[in-house]
Amino acid sequence: MALNNKFRSSAIQKLSTQHGLHRYLLATLAGWLLPLSFAPYNYWLITPVAITLLLLAIRGGHQKRTLNGKASDDAHSFKSNAYVGWFFGLGFFGNGASWVYISIHDFGYTGIPLALILTTLFVMGLALLPALQIGLFQRMFYPVSPVWSFPALWVLFEWLRSWLLTGFPWLYVGNSLVDSPISAWLPVGGVYLGSFLLVMTGSLLFQLIQKKLKLRTFIAWFVFIFAGGHLLNSIQWTLPSTHGPIDVALVQGNVDQNEKWQSKHRQRFLQLYHNLSLDIQSSGLVIWPETAVPLLYRYSDSYFDSVMADLPKGTALITGIPQQANPDSDQQPQFYNSIMVKGAGEGLYQKQKLVPFGEYVPLESFLRGAISFFNLPMSNFIAGSEDQPLLIAKGLKIAPFICYEVVYPEFVRQQAKESDLMVTISNDSWFGHSVGPLQHLQMAQVRAAENGRYMLRGTNNGVTAIIDPKGRIQVSAPQFEEAIVRGEVHAMLGHTLFTKLGSTPILMLCALVLGIQLIQRRRQPKLQLF
């Protein structure tokens, strides 16, 4: 019996080693842990730990061994290490983007089996990027130290994900810094610099565990990050203008997403926002969320005349509203997802960054009508032009962002440069009771910190909030309740270093690092990475 058990154990161990099962499990664990660094958990130091585990999983491929009498060296095996990256991606996006299932099932009218299949395909597709990232890391940068090359390649792949196939700039590890003691790095180099610092910390921790780094060097790096964050926090990149404080009120209606576009409920929802706004007595800026008004823009004049007549004189109202793009055409109607100003201001902005399947259907001629998910209400939106002016309200220049747009660092930076204040409106009902709305809120905080501007975030059912120029939440409403968030904000003067220079410096640094390390690899082919 003992020999039999020993034989079984040996066989399992051999199978595990041969196929990399232990590496894949470790990589999946690392990926699953990483989203715990984001809201609502905010364990930002999880990132270096997860990166260390990932590098340990990668290290498992750097061992010569003999299988079936033949020597096997996985050191340069792109395929083997790409699988490690893919399993990491399954854990990372499977945990961090799990809210996609709720959007598909609860609001896409899709059954559980099909919703699970679509969510799994979404996660598997996203996981191809870390698969390529890890495969390239091993193929191109072995046997050079990972301390610089790994965070550099990581940042470049985050940047790639910001625009590839319209982009999915979600779950950047630098986002977790906004709720950390070292958030002051964000106005210097933005979210990509935050990612670089955290991933490098994980790489150094890995080297420390491998006894390739002295403890005092690791401690010195930690001191540098914290001391640097402390010193940077004393810099006032932007300052309040002499305009004085502006009273603001953000209205959260908590409208049922499944009823919102049903004509029988339209009048009730119109009256809801009208009634909630009657409680606002101060003369200032009032904000309603994305598509708060279930009316087309061209039919809304009489409604807003009634609303503005009941608001204090001098009030500016900013609200989301759908706008038909081709009202005089006989073709299928198309719409803009818009935000406009009424009262003491002017402007109409049409959303540029659309959500695939939620607002438009890729390959529409093939997919539209195939299943209910590809025929969601109001999924015929088109993108607005790139040269739209800022909104004007209460004499302030306001940079507007609708929902998904606020997660794009460079897009927000370009709009924020000429603004006094930033406003983002959203309808996070699509996320349900998931971590999605809290992750979305955290990214709005990051954009505020990067650009040194107040961010007013109005949503349908949470989280509605006022965010200060350092990315801190001043006041917020509870989720899934009717609420009004009140506070004071200031127009801000000046620019952060990130607003001036953008992501270019950190991206150029990463490209330079990788170029230098490639040269080192060619000159020193016998160095050992681990």
Protein backbone atom coordinates (compact mmCIF):
# COMPACT_ATOMS: atom_id res chain seq x y z
CA MET A 1 0.00 0.00 0.00
CA ALA A 2 2.83 2.39 0.89
CA LEU A 3 4.57 1.66 -2.42
CA ASN A 4 1.31 2.18 -4.27
CA ASN A 5 0.74 5.55 -2.60
CA LYS A 6 4.34 6.53 -3.30
CA PHE A 7 3.88 5.63 -6.96
CA ARG A 8 0.67 7.66 -7.20
CA SER A 9 2.30 10.66 -5.54
CA SER A 10 5.25 10.45 -7.90
CA ALA A 11 2.97 10.21 -10.93
CA ILE A 12 0.90 13.22 -9.87
CA GLN A 13 4.03 15.24 -9.16
CA LYS A 14 5.48 14.30 -12.55
CA LEU A 15 2.24 15.20 -14.34
CA SER A 16 2.04 18.49 -12.47
CA THR A 17 5.62 19.38 -13.33
CA GLN A 18 5.33 18.30 -16.93
CA HIS A 19 2.23 20.34 -17.71
CA GLY A 20 2.94 23.28 -15.39
CA LEU A 21 -0.17 22.71 -13.28
CA HIS A 22 1.45 24.18 -10.18
CA ARG A 23 2.49 27.27 -12.15
CA TYR A 24 -1.00 27.78 -13.58
CA LEU A 25 -2.66 27.46 -10.19
CA LEU A 26 -0.20 29.93 -8.66
CA ALA A 27 -0.73 32.37 -11.53
CA THR A 28 -4.52 32.08 -11.20
CA LEU A 29 -4.25 32.76 -7.47
CA ALA A 30 -2.10 35.83 -8.13
CA GLY A 31 -4.65 37.12 -10.65
CA TRP A 32 -7.58 36.51 -8.30
CA LEU A 33 -5.85 38.35 -5.44
CA LEU A 34 -4.94 41.45 -7.44
CA PRO A 35 -8.48 42.98 -7.66
CA LEU A 36 -8.55 43.06 -3.85
CA SER A 37 -6.29 46.10 -4.13
CA PHE A 38 -9.15 48.08 -5.71
CA ALA A 39 -12.38 49.44 -4.25
CA PRO A 40 -14.27 48.38 -2.25
CA TYR A 41 -11.50 46.37 -0.55
CA ASN A 42 -8.63 48.88 -0.96
CA TYR A 43 -5.87 46.50 0.15
CA TRP A 44 -3.43 48.34 -2.10
CA LEU A 45 -0.39 46.44 -0.78
CA ILE A 46 -1.91 43.26 -2.24
CA THR A 47 -0.48 44.36 -5.60
CA PRO A 48 3.21 43.72 -4.77
CA VAL A 49 2.24 40.38 -3.21
CA ALA A 50 0.26 39.32 -6.29
CA ILE A 51 3.10 40.39 -8.60
CA THR A 52 5.55 38.35 -6.53
CA LEU A 53 3.33 35.26 -6.80
CA LEU A 54 3.06 35.79 -10.56
CA LEU A 55 6.83 36.00 -10.91
CA LEU A 56 7.17 32.81 -8.83
CA ALA A 57 4.80 31.12 -11.26
CA ILE A 58 6.89 32.36 -14.18
CA ARG A 59 10.06 31.17 -12.48
CA GLY A 60 8.74 27.60 -12.55
CA GLY A 61 9.43 27.51 -16.28
CA HIS A 62 13.11 28.33 -15.84
CA GLN A 63 14.25 24.86 -14.86
CA LYS A 64 16.01 22.28 -16.93
CA ARG A 65 14.66 18.85 -16.30
CA THR A 66 14.65 15.44 -17.88
CA LEU A 67 11.38 13.93 -19.01
CA ASN A 68 11.22 10.54 -20.70
CA GLY A 69 15.00 10.54 -21.00
CA LYS A 70 15.10 13.87 -22.89
CA ALA A 71 16.30 17.21 -21.61
CA SER A 72 13.65 19.92 -21.56
CA ASP A 73 14.35 23.65 -21.17
CA ASP A 74 11.32 25.93 -20.90
CA ALA A 75 13.40 29.10 -20.47
CA HIS A 76 12.55 30.37 -23.94
CA SER A 77 9.19 28.68 -24.33
CA PHE A 78 6.75 31.38 -25.39
CA LYS A 79 3.85 28.96 -25.29
CA SER A 80 4.54 27.67 -21.78
CA ASN A 81 4.79 31.14 -20.27
CA ALA A 82 1.89 32.50 -22.29
CA TYR A 83 -0.27 29.89 -20.57
CA VAL A 84 0.94 31.22 -17.22
CA GLY A 85 -0.12 34.72 -18.28
CA TRP A 86 -3.46 33.46 -19.56
CA PHE A 87 -4.30 31.73 -16.29
CA PHE A 88 -3.27 34.88 -14.44
CA GLY A 89 -5.65 36.83 -16.67
CA LEU A 90 -8.47 34.38 -15.95
CA GLY A 91 -8.08 35.00 -12.22
CA PHE A 92 -7.58 38.75 -12.61
CA PHE A 93 -10.49 39.56 -14.92
CA GLY A 94 -12.65 36.72 -13.61
CA ASN A 95 -12.62 38.34 -10.17
CA GLY A 96 -12.16 42.01 -11.06
CA ALA A 97 -14.66 42.19 -13.94
CA SER A 98 -17.24 39.74 -12.60
CA TRP A 99 -19.87 42.51 -12.79
CA VAL A 100 -20.13 41.82 -16.54
CA TYR A 101 -22.30 38.82 -15.70
CA ILE A 102 -24.83 41.06 -13.92
CA SER A 103 -25.01 43.42 -16.89
CA ILE A 104 -25.61 40.53 -19.29
CA HIS A 105 -28.00 38.49 -17.14
CA ASP A 106 -29.96 40.99 -15.06
CA PHE A 107 -30.29 43.77 -17.61
CA GLY A 108 -29.50 42.04 -20.90
CA TYR A 109 -32.46 39.66 -20.56
CA THR A 110 -30.15 36.68 -21.01
CA GLY A 111 -30.58 33.30 -19.30
CA ILE A 112 -28.08 32.05 -16.76
CA PRO A 113 -26.33 29.47 -19.01
CA LEU A 114 -25.84 31.91 -21.89
CA ALA A 115 -24.86 34.74 -19.53
CA LEU A 116 -22.19 32.50 -18.00
CA ILE A 117 -20.91 31.54 -21.45
CA LEU A 118 -20.72 35.16 -22.63
CA THR A 119 -19.02 36.29 -19.41
CA THR A 120 -16.52 33.43 -19.66
CA LEU A 121 -15.73 34.31 -23.27
CA PHE A 122 -15.26 37.95 -22.27
CA VAL A 123 -12.82 37.01 -19.50
CA MET A 124 -10.98 34.50 -21.68
CA GLY A 125 -10.59 37.10 -24.40
CA LEU A 126 -9.20 39.73 -22.03
CA ALA A 127 -6.83 37.13 -20.57
CA LEU A 128 -5.10 36.88 -23.95
CA LEU A 129 -3.38 40.21 -23.27
CA PRO A 130 -1.54 39.09 -20.11
CA ALA A 131 -0.81 35.84 -21.95
CA LEU A 132 0.96 37.81 -24.67
CA GLN A 133 2.60 40.04 -22.07
CA ILE A 134 4.13 37.19 -20.06
CA GLY A 135 5.07 35.26 -23.20
CA LEU A 136 6.94 38.28 -24.58
CA PHE A 137 8.56 38.94 -21.22
CA GLN A 138 10.12 35.50 -21.21
CA ARG A 139 10.97 35.41 -24.89
CA MET A 140 12.51 38.90 -25.15
CA PHE A 141 13.87 39.73 -21.70
CA TYR A 142 15.23 36.44 -20.42
CA PRO A 143 17.77 36.33 -18.76
CA VAL A 144 17.70 40.01 -17.70
CA SER A 145 16.56 41.01 -14.18
CA PRO A 146 12.77 41.58 -13.91
CA VAL A 147 13.11 44.60 -11.57
CA TRP A 148 12.88 47.11 -14.41
CA SER A 149 11.70 45.12 -17.41
CA PHE A 150 8.62 43.57 -15.77
CA PRO A 151 6.99 46.87 -14.59
CA ALA A 152 7.93 48.57 -17.87
CA LEU A 153 6.25 45.88 -19.96
CA TRP A 154 3.29 45.84 -17.55
CA VAL A 155 2.66 49.57 -18.04
CA LEU A 156 2.93 49.35 -21.82
CA PHE A 157 0.32 46.59 -21.85
CA GLU A 158 -1.99 48.65 -19.64
CA TRP A 159 -1.60 51.45 -22.17
CA LEU A 160 -2.29 48.99 -25.01
CA ARG A 161 -5.49 47.95 -23.28
CA SER A 162 -6.59 51.61 -23.18
CA TRP A 163 -7.15 51.74 -26.96
CA LEU A 164 -7.06 48.24 -28.45
CA LEU A 165 -10.50 47.33 -29.87
CA THR A 166 -11.92 50.64 -28.51
CA GLY A 167 -10.20 49.98 -25.16
CA PHE A 168 -10.94 48.53 -21.75
CA PRO A 169 -8.96 50.78 -19.36
CA TRP A 170 -10.36 49.08 -16.28
CA LEU A 171 -8.41 47.52 -13.39
CA TYR A 172 -5.16 49.46 -13.79
CA VAL A 173 -3.20 48.63 -10.66
CA GLY A 174 -2.22 52.30 -10.25
CA ASN A 175 -5.86 53.09 -9.47
CA SER A 176 -5.42 51.62 -6.00
CA LEU A 177 -2.98 54.40 -5.05
CA VAL A 178 -5.76 56.99 -4.80
CA ASP A 179 -6.91 55.49 -1.50
CA SER A 180 -3.38 54.95 -0.21
CA PRO A 181 -0.92 57.11 1.78
CA ILE A 182 1.14 57.64 -1.39
CA SER A 183 -1.60 59.00 -3.67
CA ALA A 184 0.47 62.16 -4.27
CA TRP A 185 2.38 60.30 -7.03
CA LEU A 186 -0.75 60.45 -9.23
CA PRO A 187 -0.57 64.18 -10.17
CA VAL A 188 3.08 63.63 -11.11
CA GLY A 189 2.78 60.80 -13.63
CA GLY A 190 -0.80 59.59 -13.51
CA VAL A 191 -2.15 56.08 -13.12
CA TYR A 192 0.63 54.54 -15.24
CA LEU A 193 3.30 55.86 -12.88
CA GLY A 194 1.30 54.38 -10.01
CA SER A 195 1.24 51.02 -11.79
CA PHE A 196 4.98 51.20 -12.44
CA LEU A 197 5.79 51.88 -8.77
CA LEU A 198 3.59 49.08 -7.44
CA VAL A 199 4.71 46.46 -9.96
CA MET A 200 8.35 47.37 -9.39
CA THR A 201 7.78 46.90 -5.64
CA GLY A 202 6.49 43.39 -6.38
CA SER A 203 9.49 42.69 -8.61
CA LEU A 204 11.88 43.80 -5.86
CA LEU A 205 10.05 41.67 -3.31
CA PHE A 206 10.43 38.69 -5.62
CA GLN A 207 14.17 39.34 -5.95
CA LEU A 208 14.42 39.63 -2.17
CA ILE A 209 12.75 36.24 -1.73
CA GLN A 210 15.09 34.78 -4.34
CA LYS A 211 18.04 36.22 -2.38
CA LYS A 212 19.02 38.29 -5.43
CA LEU A 213 18.45 41.54 -3.52
CA LYS A 214 19.62 42.81 -0.15
CA LEU A 215 17.03 43.64 2.47
CA ARG A 216 18.37 47.16 2.92
CA THR A 217 17.86 47.84 -0.79
CA PHE A 218 14.23 46.76 -0.56
CA ILE A 219 13.69 48.90 2.55
CA ALA A 220 15.33 51.87 0.83
CA TRP A 221 12.87 51.52 -2.08
CA PHE A 222 9.91 51.47 0.31
CA VAL A 223 11.24 54.55 2.09
CA PHE A 224 11.66 56.30 -1.25
CA ILE A 225 8.04 55.64 -2.25
CA PHE A 226 6.57 56.73 1.09
CA ALA A 227 8.91 59.69 1.63
CA GLY A 228 8.39 60.80 -1.93
CA GLY A 229 4.63 60.57 -1.52
CA HIS A 230 4.82 62.60 1.69
CA LEU A 231 6.93 65.34 0.11
CA LEU A 232 4.79 65.48 -3.04
CA ASN A 233 1.65 65.78 -0.94
CA SER A 234 2.88 69.19 0.24
CA ILE A 235 2.93 70.53 -3.33
CA GLN A 236 -0.16 72.52 -4.29
CA TRP A 237 -0.34 71.85 -8.02
CA THR A 238 -3.63 73.73 -8.38
CA LEU A 239 -5.24 76.49 -6.33
CA PRO A 240 -8.83 77.72 -5.87
CA SER A 241 -9.73 80.71 -8.02
CA THR A 242 -11.03 83.99 -6.64
CA HIS A 243 -14.45 83.09 -8.05
CA GLY A 244 -15.42 81.80 -4.61
CA PRO A 245 -17.23 78.60 -3.67
CA ILE A 246 -20.14 77.28 -5.72
CA ASP A 247 -23.06 75.53 -4.09
CA VAL A 248 -23.74 72.23 -5.85
CA ALA A 249 -26.47 69.62 -5.54
CA LEU A 250 -26.35 66.20 -7.21
CA VAL A 251 -29.67 64.38 -7.55
CA GLN A 252 -29.76 60.55 -7.38
CA GLY A 253 -33.15 59.24 -8.52
CA ASN A 254 -32.64 55.47 -8.07
CA VAL A 255 -34.75 54.66 -11.14
CA ASP A 256 -35.37 50.99 -11.95
CA GLN A 257 -33.36 50.24 -15.07
CA ASN A 258 -35.87 47.67 -16.31
CA GLU A 259 -38.67 50.28 -16.25
CA LYS A 260 -36.75 53.37 -17.34
CA TRP A 261 -37.53 53.23 -21.07
CA GLN A 262 -41.09 51.93 -20.77
CA SER A 263 -43.50 54.66 -21.92
CA LYS A 264 -46.00 53.87 -19.16
CA HIS A 265 -43.44 54.89 -16.51
CA ARG A 266 -42.05 57.96 -18.30
CA GLN A 267 -44.17 60.59 -16.59
CA ARG A 268 -43.47 59.13 -13.16
CA PHE A 269 -39.71 59.38 -13.66
CA LEU A 270 -39.94 62.89 -15.10
CA GLN A 271 -41.89 63.98 -12.06
CA LEU A 272 -39.45 62.21 -9.74
CA TYR A 273 -36.48 64.37 -10.76
CA HIS A 274 -38.64 67.47 -10.82
CA ASN A 275 -39.87 66.82 -7.26
CA LEU A 276 -36.44 65.94 -5.89
CA SER A 277 -35.03 69.16 -7.33
CA LEU A 278 -37.72 71.22 -5.59
CA ASP A 279 -35.92 70.48 -2.31
CA ILE A 280 -32.89 72.41 -3.55
CA GLN A 281 -33.15 75.97 -2.28
CA SER A 282 -29.61 77.27 -2.87
CA SER A 283 -28.85 79.08 -6.11
CA GLY A 284 -26.01 77.10 -7.67
CA LEU A 285 -25.29 74.10 -9.81
CA VAL A 286 -27.70 71.13 -9.97
CA ILE A 287 -26.64 67.86 -11.61
CA TRP A 288 -28.82 65.00 -12.78
CA PRO A 289 -27.31 61.66 -13.94
CA GLU A 290 -26.82 60.04 -17.33
CA THR A 291 -30.02 59.88 -19.43
CA ALA A 292 -31.93 61.02 -16.34
CA VAL A 293 -34.66 62.32 -18.62
CA PRO A 294 -36.35 59.55 -20.65
CA LEU A 295 -37.25 62.08 -23.35
CA LEU A 296 -35.51 62.96 -26.58
CA TYR A 297 -33.77 66.32 -26.53
CA ARG A 298 -36.06 67.84 -29.19
CA TYR A 299 -39.18 67.03 -27.14
CA SER A 300 -37.87 68.28 -23.79
CA ASP A 301 -38.29 72.08 -23.90
CA SER A 302 -41.63 72.33 -22.13
CA TYR A 303 -40.52 69.92 -19.40
CA PHE A 304 -37.36 71.87 -18.64
CA ASP A 305 -39.20 75.17 -18.75
CA SER A 306 -41.36 73.82 -15.92
CA VAL A 307 -38.37 72.52 -13.95
CA MET A 308 -36.33 75.73 -14.26
CA ALA A 309 -39.33 77.83 -13.24
CA ASP A 310 -39.40 75.98 -9.91
CA LEU A 311 -35.66 76.19 -9.25
CA PRO A 312 -34.13 79.30 -7.64
CA LYS A 313 -33.27 82.05 -10.10
CA GLY A 314 -29.68 81.82 -11.33
CA THR A 315 -29.48 78.03 -11.02
CA ALA A 316 -27.66 76.02 -13.69
CA LEU A 317 -28.93 72.50 -14.35
CA ILE A 318 -26.68 69.88 -15.98
CA THR A 319 -28.40 66.68 -17.04
CA GLY A 320 -28.00 63.66 -19.26
CA ILE A 321 -30.48 63.31 -22.12
CA PRO A 322 -30.66 61.24 -25.34
CA GLN A 323 -30.55 63.18 -28.59
CA GLN A 324 -31.63 61.81 -31.94
CA ALA A 325 -28.88 62.18 -34.52
CA ASN A 326 -31.04 61.80 -37.63
CA PRO A 327 -34.51 63.20 -36.75
CA ASP A 328 -35.43 63.99 -40.37
CA SER A 329 -34.21 60.73 -41.87
CA ASP A 330 -36.26 57.71 -42.92
CA GLN A 331 -33.44 55.41 -41.86
CA GLN A 332 -33.21 53.53 -38.56
CA PRO A 333 -33.01 56.09 -35.71
CA GLN A 334 -29.60 56.76 -34.22
CA PHE A 335 -28.89 58.67 -31.04
CA TYR A 336 -26.27 60.63 -29.13
CA ASN A 337 -25.82 60.04 -25.42
CA SER A 338 -25.71 63.70 -24.43
CA ILE A 339 -25.28 66.05 -21.51
CA MET A 340 -26.64 69.60 -21.59
CA VAL A 341 -26.89 72.77 -19.53
CA LYS A 342 -30.12 74.60 -18.75
CA GLY A 343 -30.56 77.89 -16.92
CA ALA A 344 -27.43 79.87 -15.98
CA GLY A 345 -25.17 78.36 -18.64
CA GLU A 346 -25.05 76.80 -22.07
CA GLY A 347 -23.71 73.83 -23.95
CA LEU A 348 -24.55 70.41 -25.30
CA TYR A 349 -21.98 67.60 -25.27
CA GLN A 350 -22.29 64.28 -27.10
CA LYS A 351 -20.49 61.25 -25.72
CA GLN A 352 -17.40 60.13 -27.66
CA LYS A 353 -16.36 56.90 -25.93
CA LEU A 354 -19.20 54.41 -26.34
CA VAL A 355 -19.64 51.10 -24.51
CA PRO A 356 -19.66 48.09 -26.89
CA PHE A 357 -22.98 46.18 -26.78
CA GLY A 358 -24.40 48.60 -24.18
CA GLU A 359 -24.55 51.63 -26.47
CA TYR A 360 -23.71 50.18 -29.86
CA VAL A 361 -23.44 46.69 -31.31
CA PRO A 362 -20.19 45.79 -33.11
CA LEU A 363 -20.84 43.87 -36.35
CA GLU A 364 -24.44 44.99 -35.97
CA SER A 365 -25.69 43.41 -39.21
CA PHE A 366 -24.67 39.97 -37.88
CA LEU A 367 -25.45 40.28 -34.16
CA ARG A 368 -28.46 42.58 -33.87
CA GLY A 369 -31.47 40.44 -32.94
CA ALA A 370 -29.47 37.24 -32.52
CA ILE A 371 -30.16 37.22 -28.77
CA SER A 372 -31.83 39.70 -26.43
CA PHE A 373 -28.48 40.97 -25.14
CA PHE A 374 -27.67 42.39 -28.59
CA ASN A 375 -30.95 44.32 -28.65
CA LEU A 376 -30.80 46.34 -25.42
CA PRO A 377 -32.93 49.48 -25.11
CA MET A 378 -31.14 52.59 -26.43
CA SER A 379 -28.26 50.62 -28.00
CA ASN A 380 -28.26 52.62 -31.24
CA PHE A 381 -25.96 55.38 -30.02
CA ILE A 382 -23.25 56.91 -32.19
CA ALA A 383 -20.15 58.81 -31.05
CA GLY A 384 -19.98 62.60 -30.94
CA SER A 385 -17.23 64.59 -32.65
CA GLU A 386 -13.79 65.06 -31.10
CA ASP A 387 -13.74 68.89 -31.21
CA GLN A 388 -16.66 69.73 -28.93
CA PRO A 389 -16.41 72.80 -26.66
CA LEU A 390 -16.60 72.61 -22.88
CA LEU A 391 -19.88 73.29 -21.10
CA ILE A 392 -20.44 76.66 -19.44
CA ALA A 393 -22.35 76.83 -16.13
CA LYS A 394 -22.32 79.58 -13.51
CA GLY A 395 -19.56 81.25 -15.47
CA LEU A 396 -17.29 78.19 -15.19
CA LYS A 397 -15.77 76.05 -17.93
CA ILE A 398 -16.81 72.49 -17.20
CA ALA A 399 -15.23 69.35 -18.68
CA PRO A 400 -18.06 66.79 -19.14
CA PHE A 401 -17.67 63.01 -19.12
CA ILE A 402 -20.43 60.50 -19.55
CA CYS A 403 -20.08 57.18 -17.72
CA TYR A 404 -17.32 55.09 -19.33
CA GLU A 405 -15.39 58.13 -20.59
CA VAL A 406 -14.01 58.94 -17.15
CA VAL A 407 -11.91 55.76 -17.09
CA TYR A 408 -9.66 56.96 -19.97
CA PRO A 409 -6.69 58.87 -18.44
CA GLU A 410 -5.55 60.73 -21.55
CA PHE A 411 -9.07 61.53 -22.74
CA VAL A 412 -9.93 63.12 -19.40
CA ARG A 413 -6.61 64.99 -19.26
CA GLN A 414 -7.18 66.61 -22.64
CA GLN A 415 -10.61 67.85 -21.56
CA ALA A 416 -9.46 68.90 -18.10
CA LYS A 417 -6.61 71.15 -19.30
CA GLU A 418 -8.89 74.07 -20.15
CA SER A 419 -11.52 73.45 -17.48
CA ASP A 420 -12.31 74.94 -14.07
CA LEU A 421 -14.27 71.91 -12.92
CA MET A 422 -15.03 68.35 -14.05
CA VAL A 423 -18.41 66.63 -14.13
CA THR A 424 -19.11 62.98 -14.83
CA ILE A 425 -22.60 61.55 -15.04
CA SER A 426 -23.29 57.85 -15.08
CA ASN A 427 -25.94 55.17 -14.84
CA ASP A 428 -24.27 52.38 -12.89
CA SER A 429 -27.55 50.49 -12.62
CA TRP A 430 -26.07 48.12 -15.19
CA PHE A 431 -23.63 46.87 -12.52
CA GLY A 432 -26.31 45.96 -9.97
CA HIS A 433 -25.11 45.03 -6.47
CA SER A 434 -21.54 44.34 -7.61
CA VAL A 435 -18.13 45.94 -7.13
CA GLY A 436 -18.47 47.65 -10.53
CA PRO A 437 -19.91 50.99 -9.31
CA LEU A 438 -17.26 51.23 -6.58
CA GLN A 439 -14.45 50.51 -9.03
CA HIS A 440 -15.96 53.13 -11.35
CA LEU A 441 -16.07 55.69 -8.54
CA GLN A 442 -12.43 54.98 -7.68
CA MET A 443 -11.38 55.72 -11.25
CA ALA A 444 -13.22 59.05 -11.11
CA GLN A 445 -11.22 59.78 -7.94
CA VAL A 446 -7.99 59.00 -9.81
CA ARG A 447 -8.91 61.41 -12.63
CA ALA A 448 -9.54 64.16 -10.05
CA ALA A 449 -6.18 63.52 -8.37
CA GLU A 450 -4.31 63.34 -11.69
CA ASN A 451 -5.62 66.71 -12.85
CA GLY A 452 -6.06 68.62 -9.59
CA ARG A 453 -9.72 69.43 -10.27
CA TYR A 454 -12.95 68.83 -8.39
CA MET A 455 -14.96 66.00 -9.89
CA LEU A 456 -18.75 66.03 -9.48
CA ARG A 457 -20.12 62.53 -10.05
CA GLY A 458 -23.87 62.20 -10.57
CA THR A 459 -25.35 58.70 -10.90
CA ASN A 460 -28.76 57.09 -11.04
CA ASN A 461 -28.36 54.75 -8.07
CA GLY A 462 -24.84 55.30 -6.75
CA VAL A 463 -22.29 56.20 -6.02
CA THR A 464 -23.10 59.92 -6.37
CA ALA A 465 -20.25 61.94 -4.87
CA ILE A 466 -18.26 65.16 -4.68
CA ILE A 467 -14.54 64.44 -5.11
CA ASP A 468 -11.89 67.02 -4.20
CA PRO A 469 -8.75 67.84 -6.27
CA LYS A 470 -6.69 65.26 -4.36
CA GLY A 471 -9.09 62.47 -5.24
CA ARG A 472 -10.74 62.29 -1.80
CA ILE A 473 -14.49 61.85 -1.47
CA GLN A 474 -15.92 64.86 0.36
CA VAL A 475 -19.49 63.63 0.54
CA SER A 476 -21.44 60.81 -1.12
CA ALA A 477 -24.91 59.26 -1.22
CA PRO A 478 -25.73 55.68 -0.23
CA GLN A 479 -26.38 53.31 -3.10
CA PHE A 480 -29.88 52.27 -4.19
CA GLU A 481 -31.65 55.19 -2.51
CA GLU A 482 -33.18 58.46 -3.65
CA ALA A 483 -30.80 61.13 -2.43
CA ILE A 484 -29.43 64.62 -2.91
CA VAL A 485 -25.72 65.24 -2.33
CA ARG A 486 -24.93 68.84 -1.39
CA GLY A 487 -21.62 70.62 -0.99
CA GLU A 488 -19.31 73.41 -2.10
CA VAL A 489 -16.65 73.28 -4.80
CA HIS A 490 -14.14 75.72 -6.24
CA ALA A 491 -12.91 76.46 -9.73
CA MET A 492 -9.25 75.45 -9.78
CA LEU A 493 -6.36 77.32 -11.38
CA GLY A 494 -3.09 75.83 -12.57
CA HIS A 495 -2.11 72.36 -13.78
CA THR A 496 -0.53 69.28 -12.31
CA LEU A 497 2.57 67.82 -13.91
CA PHE A 498 0.43 65.03 -15.34
CA THR A 499 -2.03 67.51 -16.89
CA LYS A 500 0.87 69.32 -18.56
CA LEU A 501 2.81 66.31 -19.84
CA GLY A 502 0.35 63.43 -19.77
CA SER A 503 1.39 59.79 -19.93
CA THR A 504 4.13 60.35 -22.49
CA PRO A 505 7.08 60.59 -20.04
CA ILE A 506 6.30 57.33 -18.21
CA LEU A 507 5.57 55.51 -21.49
CA MET A 508 8.85 56.76 -22.97
CA LEU A 509 10.68 55.67 -19.82
CA CYS A 510 9.19 52.19 -20.13
CA ALA A 511 10.17 51.95 -23.80
CA LEU A 512 13.70 53.13 -22.96
CA VAL A 513 14.02 50.60 -20.12
CA LEU A 514 12.95 47.75 -22.37
CA GLY A 515 15.33 48.88 -25.11
CA ILE A 516 18.29 48.96 -22.70
CA GLN A 517 17.39 45.59 -21.23
CA LEU A 518 17.13 44.03 -24.66
CA ILE A 519 20.67 45.22 -25.37
CA GLN A 520 21.84 43.79 -22.03
CA ARG A 521 20.27 40.46 -22.86
CA ARG A 522 22.17 40.21 -26.13
CA ARG A 523 25.48 41.19 -24.56
CA GLN A 524 25.16 38.87 -21.56
CA PRO A 525 23.36 35.74 -22.78
CA LYS A 526 24.60 33.60 -19.92
CA LEU A 527 23.08 35.67 -17.11
CA GLN A 528 20.41 33.94 -15.07
CA LEU A 529 17.14 35.79 -14.57
CA PHE A 530 16.12 34.04 -11.37
